[in-house]
């Protein structure tokens, strides 16, 4: 079982991944994280940056290396990674690579309550989603192919993964859209009846009563 992180925040991981290069102050850490697009790879709460840095120092993963002052800016503390921080960083990456996690998504949340909409409206919305996904994926593929000619693949595998996940989402959504469009989706008549009459059919009522979520 993966051990519980002492600083269980993806911003902490981003900080360690940045400051391992050289000592720097938090503002520079944030600038580099943004410049490298790491805030697209991780859920980052920027408002907690200084709290995260202080927690990393508290647990011995960062230490103060000095301070600097530029122009009229306040004096800024410079931090460097410690040996314990390097070990923590490596252990954290090991845990994330080896241990699957179920990640929540807004799309999954919407699918779990989509019955409030009519089948026709859902079909129309999914058509729009498929069109957007197709365009986004075409742009992603073009960008990734362009980067591969300039940047080692070592630094692009997260983009490959994101592309593969989005392609799987597109394929699944197209399949679901096909069922709705062709009228083969199970329970479609009961769903339509509910919206047409305001009465929940018995088969749906029974499902609501016992719960149908799968963990």
C-alpha atoms as a PDB file:
ATOM      1  CA  UNK A   1       0.000   0.000   0.000  1.00  0.00           C
ATOM      2  CA  UNK A   2       1.272   3.458  -0.871  1.00  0.00           C
ATOM      3  CA  UNK A   3       2.285   5.441   2.175  1.00  0.00           C
ATOM      4  CA  UNK A   4       0.403   8.603   3.041  1.00  0.00           C
ATOM      5  CA  UNK A   5       2.210  11.696   1.785  1.00  0.00           C
ATOM      6  CA  UNK A   6       3.344  14.186   4.388  1.00  0.00           C
ATOM      7  CA  UNK A   7       2.315  16.958   1.986  1.00  0.00           C
ATOM      8  CA  UNK A   8      -0.608  15.438   0.101  1.00  0.00           C
ATOM      9  CA  UNK A   9      -1.003  18.152  -2.526  1.00  0.00           C
ATOM     10  CA  UNK A  10      -0.090  18.010  -6.221  1.00  0.00           C
ATOM     11  CA  UNK A  11       1.342  21.504  -5.956  1.00  0.00           C
ATOM     12  CA  UNK A  12       3.894  20.031  -3.546  1.00  0.00           C
ATOM     13  CA  UNK A  13       4.924  17.530  -6.199  1.00  0.00           C
ATOM     14  CA  UNK A  14       5.217  20.322  -8.782  1.00  0.00           C
ATOM     15  CA  UNK A  15       7.363  22.373  -6.388  1.00  0.00           C
ATOM     16  CA  UNK A  16       9.750  19.477  -5.735  1.00  0.00           C
ATOM     17  CA  UNK A  17       9.955  18.711  -9.460  1.00  0.00           C
ATOM     18  CA  UNK A  18      10.963  22.328 -10.127  1.00  0.00           C
ATOM     19  CA  UNK A  19      13.268  23.174  -7.250  1.00  0.00           C
ATOM     20  CA  UNK A  20      15.282  19.984  -7.775  1.00  0.00           C
ATOM     21  CA  UNK A  21      17.011  21.859 -10.611  1.00  0.00           C
ATOM     22  CA  UNK A  22      18.401  24.692  -8.476  1.00  0.00           C
ATOM     23  CA  UNK A  23      17.538  26.838  -5.444  1.00  0.00           C
ATOM     24  CA  UNK A  24      14.759  29.354  -6.127  1.00  0.00           C
ATOM     25  CA  UNK A  25      12.085  31.428  -4.447  1.00  0.00           C
ATOM     26  CA  UNK A  26       8.358  30.476  -4.587  1.00  0.00           C
ATOM     27  CA  UNK A  27       7.514  33.063  -7.242  1.00  0.00           C
ATOM     28  CA  UNK A  28      10.096  31.536  -9.584  1.00  0.00           C
ATOM     29  CA  UNK A  29       8.822  28.038  -8.797  1.00  0.00           C
ATOM     30  CA  UNK A  30       5.295  29.071  -9.805  1.00  0.00           C
ATOM     31  CA  UNK A  31       6.525  30.811 -12.960  1.00  0.00           C
ATOM     32  CA  UNK A  32       8.391  27.703 -14.118  1.00  0.00           C
ATOM     33  CA  UNK A  33       5.472  25.385 -13.311  1.00  0.00           C
ATOM     34  CA  UNK A  34       3.202  27.575 -15.452  1.00  0.00           C
ATOM     35  CA  UNK A  35       5.760  28.010 -18.242  1.00  0.00           C
ATOM     36  CA  UNK A  36       6.172  24.233 -18.538  1.00  0.00           C
ATOM     37  CA  UNK A  37       2.443  23.588 -18.528  1.00  0.00           C
ATOM     38  CA  UNK A  38       2.534  21.478 -15.383  1.00  0.00           C
ATOM     39  CA  UNK A  39      -0.688  23.117 -14.236  1.00  0.00           C
ATOM     40  CA  UNK A  40      -2.315  21.303 -17.194  1.00  0.00           C
ATOM     41  CA  UNK A  41      -0.962  17.972 -15.920  1.00  0.00           C
ATOM     42  CA  UNK A  42      -1.880  18.386 -12.247  1.00  0.00           C
ATOM     43  CA  UNK A  43      -4.697  19.921 -10.245  1.00  0.00           C
ATOM     44  CA  UNK A  44      -2.975  22.890  -8.698  1.00  0.00           C
ATOM     45  CA  UNK A  45      -4.405  25.324  -6.170  1.00  0.00           C
ATOM     46  CA  UNK A  46      -2.186  28.362  -6.609  1.00  0.00           C
ATOM     47  CA  UNK A  47      -3.548  30.100  -3.524  1.00  0.00           C
ATOM     48  CA  UNK A  48      -1.850  27.493  -1.335  1.00  0.00           C
ATOM     49  CA  UNK A  49       1.650  27.882  -2.847  1.00  0.00           C
ATOM     50  CA  UNK A  50       3.315  29.506   0.148  1.00  0.00           C
ATOM     51  CA  UNK A  51       1.547  27.164   2.575  1.00  0.00           C
ATOM     52  CA  UNK A  52       2.767  24.153   0.587  1.00  0.00           C
ATOM     53  CA  UNK A  53       6.335  25.490   0.474  1.00  0.00           C
ATOM     54  CA  UNK A  54       6.287  26.058   4.240  1.00  0.00           C
ATOM     55  CA  UNK A  55       4.942  22.532   4.818  1.00  0.00           C
ATOM     56  CA  UNK A  56       7.681  21.070   2.635  1.00  0.00           C
ATOM     57  CA  UNK A  57      10.221  22.980   4.724  1.00  0.00           C
ATOM     58  CA  UNK A  58       8.527  21.892   7.951  1.00  0.00           C
ATOM     59  CA  UNK A  59       8.870  18.226   6.978  1.00  0.00           C
ATOM     60  CA  UNK A  60      12.503  18.667   5.961  1.00  0.00           C
ATOM     61  CA  UNK A  61      12.025  18.394   2.195  1.00  0.00           C
ATOM     62  CA  UNK A  62      13.083  21.990   1.531  1.00  0.00           C
ATOM     63  CA  UNK A  63      15.471  24.252   3.393  1.00  0.00           C
ATOM     64  CA  UNK A  64      16.256  27.948   3.235  1.00  0.00           C
ATOM     65  CA  UNK A  65      19.257  28.675   1.038  1.00  0.00           C
ATOM     66  CA  UNK A  66      19.234  32.469   1.364  1.00  0.00           C
ATOM     67  CA  UNK A  67      17.200  35.438   0.210  1.00  0.00           C
ATOM     68  CA  UNK A  68      17.234  38.087  -2.470  1.00  0.00           C
ATOM     69  CA  UNK A  69      15.730  41.484  -3.083  1.00  0.00           C
ATOM     70  CA  UNK A  70      15.096  43.059  -6.466  1.00  0.00           C
ATOM     71  CA  UNK A  71      14.111  46.695  -6.923  1.00  0.00           C
ATOM     72  CA  UNK A  72      11.096  47.624  -4.848  1.00  0.00           C
ATOM     73  CA  UNK A  73       9.995  44.038  -4.291  1.00  0.00           C
ATOM     74  CA  UNK A  74       9.972  42.642  -0.734  1.00  0.00           C
ATOM     75  CA  UNK A  75      12.813  40.347   0.232  1.00  0.00           C
ATOM     76  CA  UNK A  76      12.153  36.815  -1.046  1.00  0.00           C
ATOM     77  CA  UNK A  77      13.277  33.591   0.599  1.00  0.00           C
ATOM     78  CA  UNK A  78      15.176  31.150  -1.603  1.00  0.00           C
ATOM     79  CA  UNK A  79      14.694  27.423  -0.988  1.00  0.00           C
ATOM     80  CA  UNK A  80      16.663  24.362  -2.034  1.00  0.00           C
ATOM     81  CA  UNK A  81      15.671  20.720  -1.975  1.00  0.00           C
ATOM     82  CA  UNK A  82      17.168  18.474   0.712  1.00  0.00           C
ATOM     83  CA  UNK A  83      18.279  14.855   0.433  1.00  0.00           C
ATOM     84  CA  UNK A  84      15.040  13.898   2.196  1.00  0.00           C
ATOM     85  CA  UNK A  85      13.154  15.985  -0.357  1.00  0.00           C
ATOM     86  CA  UNK A  86      14.793  14.164  -3.245  1.00  0.00           C
ATOM     87  CA  UNK A  87      13.823  10.840  -1.679  1.00  0.00           C
ATOM     88  CA  UNK A  88      10.267  12.034  -1.030  1.00  0.00           C
ATOM     89  CA  UNK A  89       9.970  13.266  -4.607  1.00  0.00           C
ATOM     90  CA  UNK A  90      11.141   9.916  -6.003  1.00  0.00           C
ATOM     91  CA  UNK A  91       8.899   7.921  -3.634  1.00  0.00           C
ATOM     92  CA  UNK A  92       5.889  10.056  -4.547  1.00  0.00           C
ATOM     93  CA  UNK A  93       6.433   9.458  -8.263  1.00  0.00           C
ATOM     94  CA  UNK A  94       6.824   5.713  -7.610  1.00  0.00           C
ATOM     95  CA  UNK A  95       3.487   5.641  -5.771  1.00  0.00           C
ATOM     96  CA  UNK A  96       1.667   7.569  -8.498  1.00  0.00           C
ATOM     97  CA  UNK A  97       3.076   5.381 -11.282  1.00  0.00           C
ATOM     98  CA  UNK A  98       2.405   2.071  -9.560  1.00  0.00           C
ATOM     99  CA  UNK A  99      -0.962   2.622  -7.847  1.00  0.00           C
ATOM    100  CA  UNK A 100      -4.106   3.131  -9.966  1.00  0.00           C
ATOM    101  CA  UNK A 101      -6.517   5.771  -8.688  1.00  0.00           C
ATOM    102  CA  UNK A 102     -10.101   6.376  -9.737  1.00  0.00           C
ATOM    103  CA  UNK A 103     -10.279  10.003 -10.737  1.00  0.00           C
ATOM    104  CA  UNK A 104     -13.550  11.890 -10.643  1.00  0.00           C
ATOM    105  CA  UNK A 105     -14.569  13.934 -13.659  1.00  0.00           C
ATOM    106  CA  UNK A 106     -17.258  16.500 -14.403  1.00  0.00           C
ATOM    107  CA  UNK A 107     -18.432  14.366 -17.347  1.00  0.00           C
ATOM    108  CA  UNK A 108     -18.908  11.342 -15.097  1.00  0.00           C
ATOM    109  CA  UNK A 109     -20.842  13.491 -12.628  1.00  0.00           C
ATOM    110  CA  UNK A 110     -23.151  14.731 -15.403  1.00  0.00           C
ATOM    111  CA  UNK A 111     -23.725  11.188 -16.684  1.00  0.00           C
ATOM    112  CA  UNK A 112     -24.745  10.100 -13.188  1.00  0.00           C
ATOM    113  CA  UNK A 113     -27.669  12.581 -13.166  1.00  0.00           C
ATOM    114  CA  UNK A 114     -28.454  13.005 -16.875  1.00  0.00           C
ATOM    115  CA  UNK A 115     -31.984  11.632 -16.522  1.00  0.00           C
ATOM    116  CA  UNK A 116     -33.264  15.126 -15.715  1.00  0.00           C
ATOM    117  CA  UNK A 117     -32.846  15.912 -19.437  1.00  0.00           C
ATOM    118  CA  UNK A 118     -34.858  14.352 -22.240  1.00  0.00           C
ATOM    119  CA  UNK A 119     -33.174  11.733 -24.444  1.00  0.00           C
ATOM    120  CA  UNK A 120     -33.405  14.118 -27.405  1.00  0.00           C
ATOM    121  CA  UNK A 121     -31.625  16.914 -25.547  1.00  0.00           C
ATOM    122  CA  UNK A 122     -28.933  14.530 -24.294  1.00  0.00           C
ATOM    123  CA  UNK A 123     -28.421  13.301 -27.855  1.00  0.00           C
ATOM    124  CA  UNK A 124     -28.015  16.860 -29.126  1.00  0.00           C
ATOM    125  CA  UNK A 125     -25.578  17.756 -26.337  1.00  0.00           C
ATOM    126  CA  UNK A 126     -23.472  14.652 -26.947  1.00  0.00           C
ATOM    127  CA  UNK A 127     -23.289  15.433 -30.664  1.00  0.00           C
ATOM    128  CA  UNK A 128     -21.866  18.820 -29.732  1.00  0.00           C
ATOM    129  CA  UNK A 129     -19.433  17.205 -27.304  1.00  0.00           C
ATOM    130  CA  UNK A 130     -18.227  14.763 -29.970  1.00  0.00           C
ATOM    131  CA  UNK A 131     -17.618  17.612 -32.413  1.00  0.00           C
ATOM    132  CA  UNK A 132     -15.612  19.547 -29.815  1.00  0.00           C
ATOM    133  CA  UNK A 133     -13.598  16.461 -28.857  1.00  0.00           C
ATOM    134  CA  UNK A 134     -12.785  15.739 -32.492  1.00  0.00           C
ATOM    135  CA  UNK A 135     -11.433  19.259 -32.983  1.00  0.00           C
ATOM    136  CA  UNK A 136      -9.491  19.282 -29.702  1.00  0.00           C
ATOM    137  CA  UNK A 137      -7.945  15.887 -30.461  1.00  0.00           C
ATOM    138  CA  UNK A 138      -6.899  16.970 -33.940  1.00  0.00           C
ATOM    139  CA  UNK A 139      -5.187  20.010 -32.407  1.00  0.00           C
ATOM    140  CA  UNK A 140      -3.554  17.856 -29.707  1.00  0.00           C
ATOM    141  CA  UNK A 141      -2.225  15.351 -32.238  1.00  0.00           C
ATOM    142  CA  UNK A 142      -0.787  18.127 -34.397  1.00  0.00           C
ATOM    143  CA  UNK A 143       0.863  19.792 -31.403  1.00  0.00           C
ATOM    144  CA  UNK A 144       2.294  16.510 -30.106  1.00  0.00           C
ATOM    145  CA  UNK A 145       3.672  15.559 -33.508  1.00  0.00           C
ATOM    146  CA  UNK A 146       5.290  18.976 -33.759  1.00  0.00           C
ATOM    147  CA  UNK A 147       6.868  18.679 -30.317  1.00  0.00           C
ATOM    148  CA  UNK A 148       8.223  15.181 -31.022  1.00  0.00           C
ATOM    149  CA  UNK A 149      10.545  16.633 -33.636  1.00  0.00           C
ATOM    150  CA  UNK A 150      12.021  19.071 -31.094  1.00  0.00           C
ATOM    151  CA  UNK A 151      11.592  17.586 -27.607  1.00  0.00           C
ATOM    152  CA  UNK A 152      12.689  14.126 -26.362  1.00  0.00           C
ATOM    153  CA  UNK A 153       9.759  11.761 -25.857  1.00  0.00           C
ATOM    154  CA  UNK A 154      10.837  11.424 -22.221  1.00  0.00           C
ATOM    155  CA  UNK A 155       9.228  14.819 -21.587  1.00  0.00           C
ATOM    156  CA  UNK A 156       6.090  14.204 -23.654  1.00  0.00           C
ATOM    157  CA  UNK A 157       4.644  10.937 -22.349  1.00  0.00           C
ATOM    158  CA  UNK A 158       2.085  12.804 -20.203  1.00  0.00           C
ATOM    159  CA  UNK A 159       0.781  14.454 -23.398  1.00  0.00           C
ATOM    160  CA  UNK A 160       0.581  11.029 -25.070  1.00  0.00           C
ATOM    161  CA  UNK A 161      -1.381   9.677 -22.110  1.00  0.00           C
ATOM    162  CA  UNK A 162      -3.797  12.596 -22.135  1.00  0.00           C
ATOM    163  CA  UNK A 163      -4.352  12.110 -25.863  1.00  0.00           C
ATOM    164  CA  UNK A 164      -5.024   8.386 -25.409  1.00  0.00           C
ATOM    165  CA  UNK A 165      -7.532   9.035 -22.597  1.00  0.00           C
ATOM    166  CA  UNK A 166      -9.351  11.666 -24.655  1.00  0.00           C
ATOM    167  CA  UNK A 167      -9.438   9.339 -27.682  1.00  0.00           C
ATOM    168  CA  UNK A 168     -10.988   6.616 -25.499  1.00  0.00           C
ATOM    169  CA  UNK A 169     -13.555   9.116 -24.218  1.00  0.00           C
ATOM    170  CA  UNK A 170     -14.415  10.112 -27.785  1.00  0.00           C
ATOM    171  CA  UNK A 171     -14.834   6.490 -28.895  1.00  0.00           C
ATOM    172  CA  UNK A 172     -17.085   5.691 -25.913  1.00  0.00           C
ATOM    173  CA  UNK A 173     -19.169   8.838 -26.367  1.00  0.00           C
ATOM    174  CA  UNK A 174     -19.649   8.100 -30.058  1.00  0.00           C
ATOM    175  CA  UNK A 175     -20.868   4.602 -29.137  1.00  0.00           C
ATOM    176  CA  UNK A 176     -23.319   5.975 -26.564  1.00  0.00           C
ATOM    177  CA  UNK A 177     -24.525   8.590 -29.042  1.00  0.00           C
ATOM    178  CA  UNK A 178     -25.112   5.842 -31.591  1.00  0.00           C
ATOM    179  CA  UNK A 179     -27.336   3.904 -29.163  1.00  0.00           C
ATOM    180  CA  UNK A 180     -29.391   7.011 -28.377  1.00  0.00           C
ATOM    181  CA  UNK A 181     -29.692   8.027 -32.035  1.00  0.00           C
ATOM    182  CA  UNK A 182     -30.680   4.542 -33.219  1.00  0.00           C
ATOM    183  CA  UNK A 183     -33.090   3.951 -30.320  1.00  0.00           C
ATOM    184  CA  UNK A 184     -31.213   0.881 -29.024  1.00  0.00           C
ATOM    185  CA  UNK A 185     -30.306   2.351 -25.630  1.00  0.00           C
ATOM    186  CA  UNK A 186     -31.959   0.168 -22.926  1.00  0.00           C
ATOM    187  CA  UNK A 187     -34.853   1.825 -21.067  1.00  0.00           C
ATOM    188  CA  UNK A 188     -35.231   4.619 -23.621  1.00  0.00           C
ATOM    189  CA  UNK A 189     -39.013   4.302 -23.745  1.00  0.00           C
ATOM    190  CA  UNK A 190     -39.318   4.504 -19.971  1.00  0.00           C
ATOM    191  CA  UNK A 191     -37.043   7.546 -19.966  1.00  0.00           C
ATOM    192  CA  UNK A 192     -39.220   9.263 -22.601  1.00  0.00           C
ATOM    193  CA  UNK A 193     -42.411   8.317 -20.722  1.00  0.00           C
ATOM    194  CA  UNK A 194     -41.071   9.920 -17.558  1.00  0.00           C
ATOM    195  CA  UNK A 195     -40.519  13.242 -19.319  1.00  0.00           C
ATOM    196  CA  UNK A 196     -43.765  13.086 -21.281  1.00  0.00           C
ATOM    197  CA  UNK A 197     -46.015  12.373 -18.281  1.00  0.00           C
ATOM    198  CA  UNK A 198     -44.017  13.399 -15.225  1.00  0.00           C
ATOM    199  CA  UNK A 199     -44.586   9.901 -13.835  1.00  0.00           C
ATOM    200  CA  UNK A 200     -41.650   7.694 -12.993  1.00  0.00           C
ATOM    201  CA  UNK A 201     -42.199   4.259 -14.592  1.00  0.00           C
ATOM    202  CA  UNK A 202     -42.175   1.376 -12.136  1.00  0.00           C
ATOM    203  CA  UNK A 203     -38.987  -0.102 -13.588  1.00  0.00           C
ATOM    204  CA  UNK A 204     -37.123   3.164 -12.961  1.00  0.00           C
ATOM    205  CA  UNK A 205     -38.780   3.631  -9.569  1.00  0.00           C
ATOM    206  CA  UNK A 206     -37.496   0.234  -8.455  1.00  0.00           C
ATOM    207  CA  UNK A 207     -33.966   1.111  -9.577  1.00  0.00           C
ATOM    208  CA  UNK A 208     -34.051   4.466  -7.766  1.00  0.00           C
ATOM    209  CA  UNK A 209     -35.249   2.709  -4.625  1.00  0.00           C
ATOM    210  CA  UNK A 210     -32.394   0.260  -4.352  1.00  0.00           C
ATOM    211  CA  UNK A 211     -29.648   2.393  -5.857  1.00  0.00           C
ATOM    212  CA  UNK A 212     -27.714   1.513  -8.996  1.00  0.00           C
ATOM    213  CA  UNK A 213     -24.323   3.139  -8.474  1.00  0.00           C
ATOM    214  CA  UNK A 214     -21.266   0.893  -8.849  1.00  0.00           C
ATOM    215  CA  UNK A 215     -18.159   1.519  -6.774  1.00  0.00           C
END
